[in-house]
Amino acid sequence: MQSQPPAIEIDDISKRFGSRWAVSRLSFTLPAGRSLLLTGHNGSGKTTLLRMIATATFPTAGKISIFGHETREKRELLRHDVALLSHASYLYEDLTAAQNLTLLARFLGVDDSKKQVAELLERIGLTERADSPVRQFSAGMRKRLSIARLLMKAPKLALFDEPFGELDPAGILQMENLLKELQGKGVTIVLATHLIEQGQSLTQERLHLDQGRKETP
């Protein structure tokens, strides 16, 4: 019986922006279904690493493979399996909350998207604002809608970049429950957060970055 390939396999990658190396000679492997806490000070390379895993950008050197597929070669295929919840919401400002989710449902080919959109909006507490344009939303409401987008995508690999920011206590609890739910479904998770104790309670492994390099925390 053939073993399952790792969710993430990073082989000696580096990423340069101009003369600055954001990530340098980094290697690690994360088995499928495991959860990883990604830590480091601001500017340590966490966001850059997550964006490379999500295929939003590519390493200057080295190779990243997701579920056995090299990111440069299988970018479009992998984008259906990987979701990134980042600082930027990437929501359409002039569309309503419901329209944002409906558009994603069409892209994903979701059946009965109207029902799923309604269920997701109820789950994140935005039913009453379903027909409001996103430009009227607070930062916390945008984060909630981004969570709904991630849930609709149903990724095999979910990446979270400071997911607790901009959330009220109820939203933080909702995010913690979401992370636990995804783990229960076998989704591989990478969680980048400055809330170390909270992050450790939600993950199984840890990777600490210092100036783009793997370090012992």
C-alpha atoms as a PDB file:
ATOM      1  CA  MET A   1       0.000   0.000   0.000  1.00  0.00           C
ATOM      2  CA  GLN A   2       1.463   3.317  -1.117  1.00  0.00           C
ATOM      3  CA  SER A   3       1.964   5.863   1.661  1.00  0.00           C
ATOM      4  CA  GLN A   4       0.307   9.265   1.425  1.00  0.00           C
ATOM      5  CA  PRO A   5       2.642  12.089   0.352  1.00  0.00           C
ATOM      6  CA  PRO A   6       3.286  14.874   2.878  1.00  0.00           C
ATOM      7  CA  ALA A   7       0.885  17.803   2.873  1.00  0.00           C
ATOM      8  CA  ILE A   8       3.862  20.160   2.680  1.00  0.00           C
ATOM      9  CA  GLU A   9       7.413  19.324   1.651  1.00  0.00           C
ATOM     10  CA  ILE A  10       9.808  22.275   1.551  1.00  0.00           C
ATOM     11  CA  ASP A  11      13.254  21.632   0.132  1.00  0.00           C
ATOM     12  CA  ASP A  12      15.940  24.286   0.756  1.00  0.00           C
ATOM     13  CA  ILE A  13      13.816  27.266  -0.293  1.00  0.00           C
ATOM     14  CA  SER A  14      14.851  30.908  -0.275  1.00  0.00           C
ATOM     15  CA  LYS A  15      12.883  34.004  -1.241  1.00  0.00           C
ATOM     16  CA  ARG A  16      14.454  37.349  -2.088  1.00  0.00           C
ATOM     17  CA  PHE A  17      12.837  40.759  -2.471  1.00  0.00           C
ATOM     18  CA  GLY A  18      15.447  43.021  -4.030  1.00  0.00           C
ATOM     19  CA  SER A  19      18.549  42.666  -1.871  1.00  0.00           C
ATOM     20  CA  ARG A  20      16.648  41.306   1.147  1.00  0.00           C
ATOM     21  CA  TRP A  21      16.206  37.605   1.817  1.00  0.00           C
ATOM     22  CA  ALA A  22      12.756  37.106   3.404  1.00  0.00           C
ATOM     23  CA  VAL A  23      13.268  33.318   3.666  1.00  0.00           C
ATOM     24  CA  SER A  24      16.659  31.626   3.589  1.00  0.00           C
ATOM     25  CA  ARG A  25      17.612  27.945   3.102  1.00  0.00           C
ATOM     26  CA  LEU A  26      14.460  26.611   4.730  1.00  0.00           C
ATOM     27  CA  SER A  27      13.489  22.937   4.726  1.00  0.00           C
ATOM     28  CA  PHE A  28      10.734  21.081   6.560  1.00  0.00           C
ATOM     29  CA  THR A  29       8.006  18.495   6.046  1.00  0.00           C
ATOM     30  CA  LEU A  30       4.466  18.418   7.424  1.00  0.00           C
ATOM     31  CA  PRO A  31       2.523  15.153   7.142  1.00  0.00           C
ATOM     32  CA  ALA A  32      -1.047  15.273   5.872  1.00  0.00           C
ATOM     33  CA  GLY A  33      -3.608  15.814   8.612  1.00  0.00           C
ATOM     34  CA  ARG A  34      -1.169  17.424  11.039  1.00  0.00           C
ATOM     35  CA  SER A  35      -1.334  20.982  12.383  1.00  0.00           C
ATOM     36  CA  LEU A  36       1.658  23.329  12.562  1.00  0.00           C
ATOM     37  CA  LEU A  37       2.182  26.465  14.643  1.00  0.00           C
ATOM     38  CA  LEU A  38       4.286  29.018  12.738  1.00  0.00           C
ATOM     39  CA  THR A  39       5.961  31.594  14.965  1.00  0.00           C
ATOM     40  CA  GLY A  40       8.474  34.425  14.696  1.00  0.00           C
ATOM     41  CA  HIS A  41       8.772  38.167  15.173  1.00  0.00           C
ATOM     42  CA  ASN A  42       7.373  40.637  12.669  1.00  0.00           C
ATOM     43  CA  GLY A  43       9.452  40.444   9.509  1.00  0.00           C
ATOM     44  CA  SER A  44      10.686  36.919  10.250  1.00  0.00           C
ATOM     45  CA  GLY A  45       9.236  35.545   6.989  1.00  0.00           C
ATOM     46  CA  LYS A  46       5.985  33.953   8.196  1.00  0.00           C
ATOM     47  CA  THR A  47       3.652  35.694   5.740  1.00  0.00           C
ATOM     48  CA  THR A  48       6.065  35.189   2.851  1.00  0.00           C
ATOM     49  CA  LEU A  49       6.263  31.473   3.645  1.00  0.00           C
ATOM     50  CA  LEU A  50       2.471  31.130   3.795  1.00  0.00           C
ATOM     51  CA  ARG A  51       2.087  32.938   0.470  1.00  0.00           C
ATOM     52  CA  MET A  52       4.587  30.569  -1.137  1.00  0.00           C
ATOM     53  CA  ILE A  53       2.767  27.524   0.219  1.00  0.00           C
ATOM     54  CA  ALA A  54      -0.493  28.994  -1.093  1.00  0.00           C
ATOM     55  CA  THR A  55       1.121  29.423  -4.577  1.00  0.00           C
ATOM     56  CA  ALA A  56       0.545  33.197  -4.463  1.00  0.00           C
ATOM     57  CA  THR A  57       4.283  33.552  -5.092  1.00  0.00           C
ATOM     58  CA  PHE A  58       7.188  31.194  -5.704  1.00  0.00           C
ATOM     59  CA  PRO A  59      10.600  30.681  -4.084  1.00  0.00           C
ATOM     60  CA  THR A  60      13.623  32.335  -5.615  1.00  0.00           C
ATOM     61  CA  ALA A  61      15.440  29.040  -5.061  1.00  0.00           C
ATOM     62  CA  GLY A  62      14.444  25.600  -3.843  1.00  0.00           C
ATOM     63  CA  LYS A  63      11.203  23.654  -4.225  1.00  0.00           C
ATOM     64  CA  ILE A  64       7.823  23.388  -2.506  1.00  0.00           C
ATOM     65  CA  SER A  65       5.582  20.361  -2.993  1.00  0.00           C
ATOM     66  CA  ILE A  66       1.983  20.185  -1.765  1.00  0.00           C
ATOM     67  CA  PHE A  67       0.451  16.698  -1.517  1.00  0.00           C
ATOM     68  CA  GLY A  68       3.198  15.454  -3.813  1.00  0.00           C
ATOM     69  CA  HIS A  69       2.766  18.180  -6.474  1.00  0.00           C
ATOM     70  CA  GLU A  70       5.425  20.807  -7.107  1.00  0.00           C
ATOM     71  CA  THR A  71       3.825  24.254  -6.802  1.00  0.00           C
ATOM     72  CA  ARG A  72       5.258  25.740  -9.989  1.00  0.00           C
ATOM     73  CA  GLU A  73       4.030  22.820 -12.087  1.00  0.00           C
ATOM     74  CA  LYS A  74       0.573  22.289 -10.530  1.00  0.00           C
ATOM     75  CA  ARG A  75      -0.419  25.763  -9.370  1.00  0.00           C
ATOM     76  CA  GLU A  76      -3.991  25.706 -10.725  1.00  0.00           C
ATOM     77  CA  LEU A  77      -4.651  22.188  -9.440  1.00  0.00           C
ATOM     78  CA  LEU A  78      -3.380  23.026  -5.963  1.00  0.00           C
ATOM     79  CA  ARG A  79      -5.418  26.212  -5.653  1.00  0.00           C
ATOM     80  CA  HIS A  80      -8.516  24.065  -5.295  1.00  0.00           C
ATOM     81  CA  ASP A  81      -6.960  22.214  -2.335  1.00  0.00           C
ATOM     82  CA  VAL A  82      -5.283  25.107  -0.499  1.00  0.00           C
ATOM     83  CA  ALA A  83      -6.928  28.090   1.209  1.00  0.00           C
ATOM     84  CA  LEU A  84      -5.187  31.061   2.833  1.00  0.00           C
ATOM     85  CA  LEU A  85      -6.863  33.291   5.421  1.00  0.00           C
ATOM     86  CA  SER A  86      -4.583  36.322   5.368  1.00  0.00           C
ATOM     87  CA  HIS A  87      -4.406  39.935   6.534  1.00  0.00           C
ATOM     88  CA  ALA A  88      -5.906  41.016   3.206  1.00  0.00           C
ATOM     89  CA  SER A  89      -9.464  39.781   2.795  1.00  0.00           C
ATOM     90  CA  TYR A  90      -9.470  39.761  -1.042  1.00  0.00           C
ATOM     91  CA  LEU A  91     -13.219  40.395  -0.871  1.00  0.00           C
ATOM     92  CA  TYR A  92     -15.061  42.372  -3.531  1.00  0.00           C
ATOM     93  CA  GLU A  93     -15.861  45.666  -1.833  1.00  0.00           C
ATOM     94  CA  ASP A  94     -18.883  46.639  -3.949  1.00  0.00           C
ATOM     95  CA  LEU A  95     -20.524  43.216  -3.785  1.00  0.00           C
ATOM     96  CA  THR A  96     -22.673  42.126  -0.876  1.00  0.00           C
ATOM     97  CA  ALA A  97     -21.685  39.395   1.558  1.00  0.00           C
ATOM     98  CA  ALA A  98     -24.027  36.965  -0.204  1.00  0.00           C
ATOM     99  CA  GLN A  99     -22.736  37.942  -3.652  1.00  0.00           C
ATOM    100  CA  ASN A 100     -19.128  37.383  -2.573  1.00  0.00           C
ATOM    101  CA  LEU A 101     -19.950  33.846  -1.475  1.00  0.00           C
ATOM    102  CA  THR A 102     -22.135  33.157  -4.519  1.00  0.00           C
ATOM    103  CA  LEU A 103     -19.318  34.191  -6.840  1.00  0.00           C
ATOM    104  CA  LEU A 104     -16.927  31.790  -5.115  1.00  0.00           C
ATOM    105  CA  ALA A 105     -19.536  29.020  -5.254  1.00  0.00           C
ATOM    106  CA  ARG A 106     -19.816  29.444  -9.021  1.00  0.00           C
ATOM    107  CA  PHE A 107     -16.040  29.314  -9.379  1.00  0.00           C
ATOM    108  CA  LEU A 108     -15.941  26.098  -7.313  1.00  0.00           C
ATOM    109  CA  GLY A 109     -18.958  24.573  -9.073  1.00  0.00           C
ATOM    110  CA  VAL A 110     -20.901  24.216  -5.820  1.00  0.00           C
ATOM    111  CA  ASP A 111     -24.374  22.721  -6.217  1.00  0.00           C
ATOM    112  CA  ASP A 112     -27.307  24.481  -4.532  1.00  0.00           C
ATOM    113  CA  SER A 113     -25.073  27.433  -3.728  1.00  0.00           C
ATOM    114  CA  LYS A 114     -28.014  29.579  -2.533  1.00  0.00           C
ATOM    115  CA  LYS A 115     -28.644  27.186   0.348  1.00  0.00           C
ATOM    116  CA  GLN A 116     -24.966  26.896   1.250  1.00  0.00           C
ATOM    117  CA  VAL A 117     -24.480  30.669   1.140  1.00  0.00           C
ATOM    118  CA  ALA A 118     -27.412  31.146   3.524  1.00  0.00           C
ATOM    119  CA  GLU A 119     -26.082  28.464   5.893  1.00  0.00           C
ATOM    120  CA  LEU A 120     -22.591  29.951   5.946  1.00  0.00           C
ATOM    121  CA  LEU A 121     -23.849  33.481   6.562  1.00  0.00           C
ATOM    122  CA  GLU A 122     -25.928  32.214   9.462  1.00  0.00           C
ATOM    123  CA  ARG A 123     -22.985  30.310  10.862  1.00  0.00           C
ATOM    124  CA  ILE A 124     -20.724  33.382  10.923  1.00  0.00           C
ATOM    125  CA  GLY A 125     -23.461  35.659  12.221  1.00  0.00           C
ATOM    126  CA  LEU A 126     -23.918  37.796   9.104  1.00  0.00           C
ATOM    127  CA  THR A 127     -27.409  36.771   8.015  1.00  0.00           C
ATOM    128  CA  GLU A 128     -28.798  40.235   8.725  1.00  0.00           C
ATOM    129  CA  ARG A 129     -26.025  41.807   6.651  1.00  0.00           C
ATOM    130  CA  ALA A 130     -26.250  39.365   3.745  1.00  0.00           C
ATOM    131  CA  ASP A 131     -27.319  42.105   1.314  1.00  0.00           C
ATOM    132  CA  SER A 132     -24.971  44.808   2.590  1.00  0.00           C
ATOM    133  CA  PRO A 133     -21.919  45.716   0.479  1.00  0.00           C
ATOM    134  CA  VAL A 134     -18.614  44.667   1.997  1.00  0.00           C
ATOM    135  CA  ARG A 135     -17.302  48.243   1.902  1.00  0.00           C
ATOM    136  CA  GLN A 136     -19.673  48.962   4.810  1.00  0.00           C
ATOM    137  CA  PHE A 137     -18.247  46.132   6.948  1.00  0.00           C
ATOM    138  CA  SER A 138     -15.976  46.482   9.951  1.00  0.00           C
ATOM    139  CA  ALA A 139     -12.632  44.660  10.000  1.00  0.00           C
ATOM    140  CA  GLY A 140     -14.116  41.940  12.187  1.00  0.00           C
ATOM    141  CA  MET A 141     -17.053  41.407   9.842  1.00  0.00           C
ATOM    142  CA  ARG A 142     -14.678  41.115   6.891  1.00  0.00           C
ATOM    143  CA  LYS A 143     -12.709  38.484   8.800  1.00  0.00           C
ATOM    144  CA  ARG A 144     -15.923  36.543   9.456  1.00  0.00           C
ATOM    145  CA  LEU A 145     -16.844  36.634   5.778  1.00  0.00           C
ATOM    146  CA  SER A 146     -13.343  35.454   4.881  1.00  0.00           C
ATOM    147  CA  ILE A 147     -13.881  32.509   7.232  1.00  0.00           C
ATOM    148  CA  ALA A 148     -17.064  31.663   5.323  1.00  0.00           C
ATOM    149  CA  ARG A 149     -15.119  31.731   2.050  1.00  0.00           C
ATOM    150  CA  LEU A 150     -12.593  29.286   3.480  1.00  0.00           C
ATOM    151  CA  LEU A 151     -15.352  26.955   4.677  1.00  0.00           C
ATOM    152  CA  MET A 152     -17.033  27.006   1.280  1.00  0.00           C
ATOM    153  CA  LYS A 153     -13.773  26.083  -0.411  1.00  0.00           C
ATOM    154  CA  ALA A 154     -13.407  23.033   1.876  1.00  0.00           C
ATOM    155  CA  PRO A 155      -9.603  22.878   1.481  1.00  0.00           C
ATOM    156  CA  LYS A 156      -7.331  19.942   2.228  1.00  0.00           C
ATOM    157  CA  LEU A 157      -4.712  22.427   3.469  1.00  0.00           C
ATOM    158  CA  ALA A 158      -5.770  25.556   5.387  1.00  0.00           C
ATOM    159  CA  LEU A 159      -3.308  28.373   6.091  1.00  0.00           C
ATOM    160  CA  PHE A 160      -4.066  31.012   8.747  1.00  0.00           C
ATOM    161  CA  ASP A 161      -2.065  34.254   9.013  1.00  0.00           C
ATOM    162  CA  GLU A 162      -2.828  35.918  12.393  1.00  0.00           C
ATOM    163  CA  PRO A 163      -6.472  34.746  12.309  1.00  0.00           C
ATOM    164  CA  PHE A 164      -7.390  36.074  15.774  1.00  0.00           C
ATOM    165  CA  GLY A 165      -6.653  39.690  14.911  1.00  0.00           C
ATOM    166  CA  GLU A 166      -9.630  42.077  14.578  1.00  0.00           C
ATOM    167  CA  LEU A 167     -12.005  39.571  16.164  1.00  0.00           C
ATOM    168  CA  ASP A 168     -14.089  40.159  19.282  1.00  0.00           C
ATOM    169  CA  PRO A 169     -14.195  37.461  22.008  1.00  0.00           C
ATOM    170  CA  ALA A 170     -17.085  35.673  20.295  1.00  0.00           C
ATOM    171  CA  GLY A 171     -15.194  35.730  17.006  1.00  0.00           C
ATOM    172  CA  ILE A 172     -12.031  34.372  18.642  1.00  0.00           C
ATOM    173  CA  LEU A 173     -13.992  31.478  20.124  1.00  0.00           C
ATOM    174  CA  GLN A 174     -15.544  30.849  16.722  1.00  0.00           C
ATOM    175  CA  MET A 175     -12.078  30.781  15.138  1.00  0.00           C
ATOM    176  CA  GLU A 176     -10.799  28.319  17.753  1.00  0.00           C
ATOM    177  CA  ASN A 177     -13.788  26.061  17.129  1.00  0.00           C
ATOM    178  CA  LEU A 178     -13.231  26.300  13.377  1.00  0.00           C
ATOM    179  CA  LEU A 179      -9.609  25.189  13.739  1.00  0.00           C
ATOM    180  CA  LYS A 180     -10.660  22.235  15.897  1.00  0.00           C
ATOM    181  CA  GLU A 181     -13.413  21.311  13.447  1.00  0.00           C
ATOM    182  CA  LEU A 182     -11.040  21.344  10.476  1.00  0.00           C
ATOM    183  CA  GLN A 183      -8.547  19.184  12.355  1.00  0.00           C
ATOM    184  CA  GLY A 184     -11.332  16.736  13.153  1.00  0.00           C
ATOM    185  CA  LYS A 185     -12.033  16.458   9.437  1.00  0.00           C
ATOM    186  CA  GLY A 186      -8.388  15.647   8.670  1.00  0.00           C
ATOM    187  CA  VAL A 187      -7.536  19.039   7.174  1.00  0.00           C
ATOM    188  CA  THR A 188      -3.854  19.971   7.391  1.00  0.00           C
ATOM    189  CA  ILE A 189      -3.415  23.324   9.147  1.00  0.00           C
ATOM    190  CA  VAL A 190      -0.649  25.920   9.358  1.00  0.00           C
ATOM    191  CA  LEU A 191      -1.366  28.600  11.957  1.00  0.00           C
ATOM    192  CA  ALA A 192       0.792  31.724  12.158  1.00  0.00           C
ATOM    193  CA  THR A 193       0.123  33.728  15.305  1.00  0.00           C
ATOM    194  CA  HIS A 194       1.852  35.794  17.981  1.00  0.00           C
ATOM    195  CA  LEU A 195      -0.446  34.202  20.578  1.00  0.00           C
ATOM    196  CA  ILE A 196       1.967  31.377  21.333  1.00  0.00           C
ATOM    197  CA  GLU A 197       0.123  29.650  24.175  1.00  0.00           C
ATOM    198  CA  GLN A 198      -3.169  29.787  22.330  1.00  0.00           C
ATOM    199  CA  GLY A 199      -1.529  28.509  19.162  1.00  0.00           C
ATOM    200  CA  GLN A 200       0.207  25.629  20.946  1.00  0.00           C
ATOM    201  CA  SER A 201      -3.107  24.479  22.400  1.00  0.00           C
ATOM    202  CA  LEU A 202      -4.509  24.188  18.871  1.00  0.00           C
ATOM    203  CA  THR A 203      -1.575  22.598  17.022  1.00  0.00           C
ATOM    204  CA  GLN A 204       0.691  19.561  17.151  1.00  0.00           C
ATOM    205  CA  GLU A 205       3.992  20.796  15.717  1.00  0.00           C
ATOM    206  CA  ARG A 206       5.907  24.082  15.663  1.00  0.00           C
ATOM    207  CA  LEU A 207       8.196  25.914  13.251  1.00  0.00           C
ATOM    208  CA  HIS A 208       9.930  29.090  14.456  1.00  0.00           C
ATOM    209  CA  LEU A 209      11.452  31.562  12.013  1.00  0.00           C
ATOM    210  CA  ASP A 210      14.113  34.168  12.709  1.00  0.00           C
ATOM    211  CA  GLN A 211      15.093  36.407   9.795  1.00  0.00           C
ATOM    212  CA  GLY A 212      13.744  33.832   7.388  1.00  0.00           C
ATOM    213  CA  ARG A 213      15.656  30.907   8.882  1.00  0.00           C
ATOM    214  CA  LYS A 214      14.464  27.939  10.921  1.00  0.00           C
ATOM    215  CA  GLU A 215      15.446  28.437  14.558  1.00  0.00           C
ATOM    216  CA  THR A 216      14.801  26.754  17.879  1.00  0.00           C
ATOM    217  CA  PRO A 217      12.212  28.866  19.748  1.00  0.00           C
END
